[in-house]
Amino acid sequence: MVPDVSVMWSFALVVGLLTITPGLDTALVLRTATVSGRRRAWGVITGIQTGTIIWGVLAATGVSAILFASQIAYDVLRIVGAGYLLWIGGRMIYSAIRPSTTPGVSATAEAPSSDSLLAGWRLGFTTNLLNPKMGAFYIALLPQFIPATAPQISWAVCLALVHVLIGITWLTFLLLLARSFRRWFACRSMARALDAIAGTVIVGFGLRIALEKSVR
């Protein structure tokens, strides 16, 4: 048994509005697509969506509810996730402000080998899975769309797949948009500005998570 069309459409409307709101995923995909390359950006997108599916299953099985019911467990996830985001964002900011050693080459330029699908997947997956906001989001949202008598896991997976489909569609649009401006961002000053903006956004998310005291 799976959710009917009306339930899926209602869920799609809610997560669709949240998906197109600029945030961490947007910053990661735009920065990766313009600086690192297409394959790595696709990896980031698939990694993010893999994390989304896992959060949906964890919420349906009650694992995430148990995790978030324990303040200690939540704090561990929060601190690790915040530290990871601060590390990623800090590297981007450092890349933006460090002096370029090669004339005419962007300070954010990366070696061709960095355009790796697997490396992008690891980045997107880890960022999503270590984000406690995703877990809290699914714990709060899924019960609103899954009746108590419905098979929890199958419904959660179906709804998570709706979220994944919307996420892939939106992030693919951003990737293509960013790639169309890649030549513009090849300019050293623009590439540095992009790293500074993306890094600041990601550090901001990290600080927000780090300073949050409780999910309750």
C-alpha atoms as a PDB file:
ATOM      1  CA  MET A   1       0.000   0.000   0.000  1.00  0.00           C
ATOM      2  CA  VAL A   2       1.346   3.383  -1.014  1.00  0.00           C
ATOM      3  CA  PRO A   3       0.063   6.958  -0.557  1.00  0.00           C
ATOM      4  CA  ASP A   4      -2.662   8.053  -2.936  1.00  0.00           C
ATOM      5  CA  VAL A   5      -2.141  10.834  -5.446  1.00  0.00           C
ATOM      6  CA  SER A   6      -3.752  13.530  -3.285  1.00  0.00           C
ATOM      7  CA  VAL A   7      -1.371  12.789  -0.392  1.00  0.00           C
ATOM      8  CA  MET A   8       1.639  12.852  -2.701  1.00  0.00           C
ATOM      9  CA  TRP A   9       0.575  16.152  -4.255  1.00  0.00           C
ATOM     10  CA  SER A  10       0.056  17.741  -0.838  1.00  0.00           C
ATOM     11  CA  PHE A  11       3.455  16.527   0.329  1.00  0.00           C
ATOM     12  CA  ALA A  12       5.062  17.659  -2.932  1.00  0.00           C
ATOM     13  CA  LEU A  13       3.680  21.162  -2.459  1.00  0.00           C
ATOM     14  CA  VAL A  14       5.159  21.460   1.033  1.00  0.00           C
ATOM     15  CA  VAL A  15       8.604  20.056   0.232  1.00  0.00           C
ATOM     16  CA  GLY A  16       8.673  21.834  -3.124  1.00  0.00           C
ATOM     17  CA  LEU A  17       8.388  25.231  -1.480  1.00  0.00           C
ATOM     18  CA  LEU A  18      11.116  24.293   0.988  1.00  0.00           C
ATOM     19  CA  THR A  19      13.362  22.894  -1.744  1.00  0.00           C
ATOM     20  CA  ILE A  20      13.436  26.075  -3.826  1.00  0.00           C
ATOM     21  CA  THR A  21      14.192  28.199  -0.767  1.00  0.00           C
ATOM     22  CA  PRO A  22      17.898  29.122  -0.979  1.00  0.00           C
ATOM     23  CA  GLY A  23      19.929  27.223   1.570  1.00  0.00           C
ATOM     24  CA  LEU A  24      22.777  24.794   2.141  1.00  0.00           C
ATOM     25  CA  ASP A  25      22.013  22.506  -0.826  1.00  0.00           C
ATOM     26  CA  THR A  26      21.750  25.471  -3.174  1.00  0.00           C
ATOM     27  CA  ALA A  27      25.098  26.861  -2.039  1.00  0.00           C
ATOM     28  CA  LEU A  28      26.846  23.485  -2.382  1.00  0.00           C
ATOM     29  CA  VAL A  29      25.538  22.745  -5.871  1.00  0.00           C
ATOM     30  CA  LEU A  30      26.126  26.230  -7.289  1.00  0.00           C
ATOM     31  CA  ARG A  31      29.660  26.412  -5.925  1.00  0.00           C
ATOM     32  CA  THR A  32      30.566  22.880  -7.018  1.00  0.00           C
ATOM     33  CA  ALA A  33      29.114  23.292 -10.520  1.00  0.00           C
ATOM     34  CA  THR A  34      30.993  26.520 -11.202  1.00  0.00           C
ATOM     35  CA  VAL A  35      34.311  25.714  -9.519  1.00  0.00           C
ATOM     36  CA  SER A  36      34.804  21.936  -9.439  1.00  0.00           C
ATOM     37  CA  GLY A  37      33.001  20.612 -12.494  1.00  0.00           C
ATOM     38  CA  ARG A  38      29.909  18.859 -13.770  1.00  0.00           C
ATOM     39  CA  ARG A  39      30.639  15.317 -12.525  1.00  0.00           C
ATOM     40  CA  ARG A  40      31.376  16.432  -8.984  1.00  0.00           C
ATOM     41  CA  ALA A  41      28.213  18.571  -8.979  1.00  0.00           C
ATOM     42  CA  TRP A  42      26.136  15.563 -10.092  1.00  0.00           C
ATOM     43  CA  GLY A  43      27.772  13.626  -7.284  1.00  0.00           C
ATOM     44  CA  VAL A  44      26.744  16.281  -4.770  1.00  0.00           C
ATOM     45  CA  ILE A  45      23.141  16.123  -6.017  1.00  0.00           C
ATOM     46  CA  THR A  46      22.942  12.321  -5.812  1.00  0.00           C
ATOM     47  CA  GLY A  47      24.623  12.339  -2.400  1.00  0.00           C
ATOM     48  CA  ILE A  48      22.094  14.822  -1.040  1.00  0.00           C
ATOM     49  CA  GLN A  49      19.201  12.716  -2.332  1.00  0.00           C
ATOM     50  CA  THR A  50      20.711   9.511  -0.905  1.00  0.00           C
ATOM     51  CA  GLY A  51      20.771  11.190   2.489  1.00  0.00           C
ATOM     52  CA  THR A  52      17.145  12.273   2.026  1.00  0.00           C
ATOM     53  CA  ILE A  53      16.033   8.668   1.429  1.00  0.00           C
ATOM     54  CA  ILE A  54      17.916   7.476   4.513  1.00  0.00           C
ATOM     55  CA  TRP A  55      16.373  10.182   6.700  1.00  0.00           C
ATOM     56  CA  GLY A  56      12.929   9.160   5.424  1.00  0.00           C
ATOM     57  CA  VAL A  57      13.510   5.507   6.326  1.00  0.00           C
ATOM     58  CA  LEU A  58      14.980   6.416   9.727  1.00  0.00           C
ATOM     59  CA  ALA A  59      11.950   8.587  10.482  1.00  0.00           C
ATOM     60  CA  ALA A  60       9.540   5.821   9.440  1.00  0.00           C
ATOM     61  CA  THR A  61      11.259   3.159  11.531  1.00  0.00           C
ATOM     62  CA  GLY A  62      11.412   5.392  14.577  1.00  0.00           C
ATOM     63  CA  VAL A  63      15.215   5.415  14.704  1.00  0.00           C
ATOM     64  CA  SER A  64      15.443   9.153  14.174  1.00  0.00           C
ATOM     65  CA  ALA A  65      12.749   9.747  16.810  1.00  0.00           C
ATOM     66  CA  ILE A  66      14.820   7.769  19.320  1.00  0.00           C
ATOM     67  CA  LEU A  67      17.918   9.725  18.323  1.00  0.00           C
ATOM     68  CA  PHE A  68      16.200  13.063  18.727  1.00  0.00           C
ATOM     69  CA  ALA A  69      14.581  12.023  22.012  1.00  0.00           C
ATOM     70  CA  SER A  70      18.056  11.729  23.525  1.00  0.00           C
ATOM     71  CA  GLN A  71      19.602  15.124  24.143  1.00  0.00           C
ATOM     72  CA  ILE A  72      23.072  13.587  24.307  1.00  0.00           C
ATOM     73  CA  ALA A  73      22.667  11.769  20.972  1.00  0.00           C
ATOM     74  CA  TYR A  74      21.236  14.856  19.348  1.00  0.00           C
ATOM     75  CA  ASP A  75      24.050  17.038  20.696  1.00  0.00           C
ATOM     76  CA  VAL A  76      26.658  14.642  19.293  1.00  0.00           C
ATOM     77  CA  LEU A  77      25.019  14.765  15.850  1.00  0.00           C
ATOM     78  CA  ARG A  78      24.632  18.535  16.111  1.00  0.00           C
ATOM     79  CA  ILE A  79      28.255  19.164  17.070  1.00  0.00           C
ATOM     80  CA  VAL A  80      29.675  16.773  14.454  1.00  0.00           C
ATOM     81  CA  GLY A  81      27.418  18.204  11.751  1.00  0.00           C
ATOM     82  CA  ALA A  82      28.209  21.787  12.694  1.00  0.00           C
ATOM     83  CA  GLY A  83      31.945  21.056  12.752  1.00  0.00           C
ATOM     84  CA  TYR A  84      31.763  19.479   9.302  1.00  0.00           C
ATOM     85  CA  LEU A  85      29.924  22.485   7.844  1.00  0.00           C
ATOM     86  CA  LEU A  86      32.335  24.926   9.487  1.00  0.00           C
ATOM     87  CA  TRP A  87      35.256  22.972   8.015  1.00  0.00           C
ATOM     88  CA  ILE A  88      33.779  22.987   4.490  1.00  0.00           C
ATOM     89  CA  GLY A  89      32.750  26.631   4.642  1.00  0.00           C
ATOM     90  CA  GLY A  90      36.041  27.662   6.221  1.00  0.00           C
ATOM     91  CA  ARG A  91      38.002  26.013   3.397  1.00  0.00           C
ATOM     92  CA  MET A  92      35.941  27.928   0.834  1.00  0.00           C
ATOM     93  CA  ILE A  93      36.503  31.245   2.621  1.00  0.00           C
ATOM     94  CA  TYR A  94      40.232  30.522   2.903  1.00  0.00           C
ATOM     95  CA  SER A  95      40.298  29.686  -0.810  1.00  0.00           C
ATOM     96  CA  ALA A  96      38.674  33.044  -1.511  1.00  0.00           C
ATOM     97  CA  ILE A  97      41.131  35.131   0.518  1.00  0.00           C
ATOM     98  CA  ARG A  98      44.425  33.295  -0.051  1.00  0.00           C
ATOM     99  CA  PRO A  99      46.766  34.849  -2.643  1.00  0.00           C
ATOM    100  CA  SER A 100      46.904  33.228  -6.049  1.00  0.00           C
ATOM    101  CA  THR A 101      50.331  31.835  -6.856  1.00  0.00           C
ATOM    102  CA  THR A 102      49.762  31.614 -10.609  1.00  0.00           C
ATOM    103  CA  PRO A 103      48.964  34.795 -12.567  1.00  0.00           C
ATOM    104  CA  GLY A 104      45.632  34.626 -14.312  1.00  0.00           C
ATOM    105  CA  VAL A 105      44.537  31.491 -12.481  1.00  0.00           C
ATOM    106  CA  SER A 106      41.653  31.562 -10.033  1.00  0.00           C
ATOM    107  CA  ALA A 107      42.518  30.962  -6.401  1.00  0.00           C
ATOM    108  CA  THR A 108      39.618  28.533  -6.306  1.00  0.00           C
ATOM    109  CA  ALA A 109      40.690  26.571  -9.353  1.00  0.00           C
ATOM    110  CA  GLU A 110      40.916  22.851  -8.645  1.00  0.00           C
ATOM    111  CA  ALA A 111      42.759  20.088 -10.411  1.00  0.00           C
ATOM    112  CA  PRO A 112      40.837  18.177 -13.080  1.00  0.00           C
ATOM    113  CA  SER A 113      41.002  15.077 -10.871  1.00  0.00           C
ATOM    114  CA  SER A 114      38.838  16.913  -8.340  1.00  0.00           C
ATOM    115  CA  ASP A 115      35.910  16.654 -10.771  1.00  0.00           C
ATOM    116  CA  SER A 116      34.986  13.278  -9.299  1.00  0.00           C
ATOM    117  CA  LEU A 117      31.459  11.904  -9.074  1.00  0.00           C
ATOM    118  CA  LEU A 118      32.327   9.854  -5.977  1.00  0.00           C
ATOM    119  CA  ALA A 119      33.968  12.806  -4.211  1.00  0.00           C
ATOM    120  CA  GLY A 120      30.888  14.911  -4.910  1.00  0.00           C
ATOM    121  CA  TRP A 121      28.602  12.124  -3.682  1.00  0.00           C
ATOM    122  CA  ARG A 122      30.543  11.879  -0.410  1.00  0.00           C
ATOM    123  CA  LEU A 123      30.262  15.626   0.092  1.00  0.00           C
ATOM    124  CA  GLY A 124      26.512  15.769  -0.582  1.00  0.00           C
ATOM    125  CA  PHE A 125      25.744  12.608   1.391  1.00  0.00           C
ATOM    126  CA  THR A 126      27.791  13.540   4.455  1.00  0.00           C
ATOM    127  CA  THR A 127      26.468  17.091   4.519  1.00  0.00           C
ATOM    128  CA  ASN A 128      22.867  15.892   4.341  1.00  0.00           C
ATOM    129  CA  LEU A 129      23.197  13.017   6.812  1.00  0.00           C
ATOM    130  CA  LEU A 130      25.037  15.122   9.410  1.00  0.00           C
ATOM    131  CA  ASN A 131      22.430  17.885   9.206  1.00  0.00           C
ATOM    132  CA  PRO A 132      20.111  17.423  12.217  1.00  0.00           C
ATOM    133  CA  LYS A 133      17.653  19.815  10.602  1.00  0.00           C
ATOM    134  CA  MET A 134      16.841  17.130   8.042  1.00  0.00           C
ATOM    135  CA  GLY A 135      16.044  14.615  10.759  1.00  0.00           C
ATOM    136  CA  ALA A 136      13.909  17.089  12.691  1.00  0.00           C
ATOM    137  CA  PHE A 137      12.133  18.032   9.463  1.00  0.00           C
ATOM    138  CA  TYR A 138      11.143  14.446   8.692  1.00  0.00           C
ATOM    139  CA  ILE A 139      10.123  13.664  12.270  1.00  0.00           C
ATOM    140  CA  ALA A 140       7.799  16.687  12.244  1.00  0.00           C
ATOM    141  CA  LEU A 141       6.492  16.349   8.677  1.00  0.00           C
ATOM    142  CA  LEU A 142       6.023  12.659   7.854  1.00  0.00           C
ATOM    143  CA  PRO A 143       3.467  11.905  10.609  1.00  0.00           C
ATOM    144  CA  GLN A 144       1.252  14.589   9.087  1.00  0.00           C
ATOM    145  CA  PHE A 145       1.000  12.564   5.861  1.00  0.00           C
ATOM    146  CA  ILE A 146       1.187   8.951   7.104  1.00  0.00           C
ATOM    147  CA  PRO A 147      -1.921   7.542   8.867  1.00  0.00           C
ATOM    148  CA  ALA A 148      -1.242   5.439  11.955  1.00  0.00           C
ATOM    149  CA  THR A 149      -2.735   2.368  10.240  1.00  0.00           C
ATOM    150  CA  ALA A 150      -0.671   2.742   7.060  1.00  0.00           C
ATOM    151  CA  PRO A 151       2.552   0.773   6.454  1.00  0.00           C
ATOM    152  CA  GLN A 152       5.058   3.280   7.769  1.00  0.00           C
ATOM    153  CA  ILE A 153       8.171   2.319   5.828  1.00  0.00           C
ATOM    154  CA  SER A 154       6.566   1.999   2.373  1.00  0.00           C
ATOM    155  CA  TRP A 155       4.735   5.306   2.792  1.00  0.00           C
ATOM    156  CA  ALA A 156       7.863   7.045   4.081  1.00  0.00           C
ATOM    157  CA  VAL A 157       9.964   5.758   1.178  1.00  0.00           C
ATOM    158  CA  CYS A 158       7.331   6.857  -1.357  1.00  0.00           C
ATOM    159  CA  LEU A 159       7.113  10.338   0.157  1.00  0.00           C
ATOM    160  CA  ALA A 160      10.892  10.583   0.417  1.00  0.00           C
ATOM    161  CA  LEU A 161      11.117   9.641  -3.274  1.00  0.00           C
ATOM    162  CA  VAL A 162       8.735  12.500  -4.079  1.00  0.00           C
ATOM    163  CA  HIS A 163      11.087  14.787  -2.164  1.00  0.00           C
ATOM    164  CA  VAL A 164      14.064  13.311  -4.038  1.00  0.00           C
ATOM    165  CA  LEU A 165      12.411  13.830  -7.430  1.00  0.00           C
ATOM    166  CA  ILE A 166      11.688  17.463  -6.642  1.00  0.00           C
ATOM    167  CA  GLY A 167      15.183  17.950  -5.241  1.00  0.00           C
ATOM    168  CA  ILE A 168      16.852  16.419  -8.307  1.00  0.00           C
ATOM    169  CA  THR A 169      14.744  18.542 -10.650  1.00  0.00           C
ATOM    170  CA  TRP A 170      15.505  21.790  -8.831  1.00  0.00           C
ATOM    171  CA  LEU A 171      19.195  21.123  -8.222  1.00  0.00           C
ATOM    172  CA  THR A 172      19.664  19.993 -11.829  1.00  0.00           C
ATOM    173  CA  PHE A 173      18.212  23.305 -12.953  1.00  0.00           C
ATOM    174  CA  LEU A 174      20.678  25.112 -10.691  1.00  0.00           C
ATOM    175  CA  LEU A 175      23.552  22.979 -12.006  1.00  0.00           C
ATOM    176  CA  LEU A 176      22.718  23.783 -15.634  1.00  0.00           C
ATOM    177  CA  LEU A 177      22.280  27.447 -14.778  1.00  0.00           C
ATOM    178  CA  ALA A 178      25.630  27.539 -13.003  1.00  0.00           C
ATOM    179  CA  ARG A 179      27.387  25.715 -15.855  1.00  0.00           C
ATOM    180  CA  SER A 180      26.065  28.255 -18.353  1.00  0.00           C
ATOM    181  CA  PHE A 181      27.886  30.970 -16.369  1.00  0.00           C
ATOM    182  CA  ARG A 182      31.031  28.897 -15.772  1.00  0.00           C
ATOM    183  CA  ARG A 183      33.120  30.945 -18.205  1.00  0.00           C
ATOM    184  CA  TRP A 184      32.121  34.104 -16.338  1.00  0.00           C
ATOM    185  CA  PHE A 185      33.137  32.573 -12.998  1.00  0.00           C
ATOM    186  CA  ALA A 186      36.502  31.538 -14.458  1.00  0.00           C
ATOM    187  CA  CYS A 187      37.557  35.114 -13.720  1.00  0.00           C
ATOM    188  CA  ARG A 188      39.693  35.042 -10.568  1.00  0.00           C
ATOM    189  CA  SER A 189      37.748  37.805  -8.794  1.00  0.00           C
ATOM    190  CA  MET A 190      34.345  36.234  -9.550  1.00  0.00           C
ATOM    191  CA  ALA A 191      35.508  32.766  -8.496  1.00  0.00           C
ATOM    192  CA  ARG A 192      36.813  34.177  -5.229  1.00  0.00           C
ATOM    193  CA  ALA A 193      33.559  36.055  -4.674  1.00  0.00           C
ATOM    194  CA  LEU A 194      31.577  32.840  -5.242  1.00  0.00           C
ATOM    195  CA  ASP A 195      33.743  30.946  -2.764  1.00  0.00           C
ATOM    196  CA  ALA A 196      33.370  33.746  -0.226  1.00  0.00           C
ATOM    197  CA  ILE A 197      29.575  33.806  -0.579  1.00  0.00           C
ATOM    198  CA  ALA A 198      29.119  30.007  -0.562  1.00  0.00           C
ATOM    199  CA  GLY A 199      31.577  29.612   2.307  1.00  0.00           C
ATOM    200  CA  THR A 200      29.826  32.272   4.358  1.00  0.00           C
ATOM    201  CA  VAL A 201      26.431  30.647   3.782  1.00  0.00           C
ATOM    202  CA  ILE A 202      27.734  27.220   4.813  1.00  0.00           C
ATOM    203  CA  VAL A 203      29.561  28.600   7.861  1.00  0.00           C
ATOM    204  CA  GLY A 204      26.346  30.401   8.800  1.00  0.00           C
ATOM    205  CA  PHE A 205      24.431  27.123   8.707  1.00  0.00           C
ATOM    206  CA  GLY A 206      27.145  25.477  10.756  1.00  0.00           C
ATOM    207  CA  LEU A 207      27.037  28.203  13.417  1.00  0.00           C
ATOM    208  CA  ARG A 208      23.256  28.065  13.514  1.00  0.00           C
ATOM    209  CA  ILE A 209      23.351  24.323  14.169  1.00  0.00           C
ATOM    210  CA  ALA A 210      26.199  24.647  16.693  1.00  0.00           C
ATOM    211  CA  LEU A 211      24.386  27.319  18.720  1.00  0.00           C
ATOM    212  CA  GLU A 212      21.073  25.460  18.791  1.00  0.00           C
ATOM    213  CA  LYS A 213      20.485  24.030  22.244  1.00  0.00           C
ATOM    214  CA  SER A 214      17.635  21.581  21.805  1.00  0.00           C
ATOM    215  CA  VAL A 215      15.169  20.131  19.341  1.00  0.00           C
ATOM    216  CA  ARG A 216      12.400  20.216  21.909  1.00  0.00           C
END
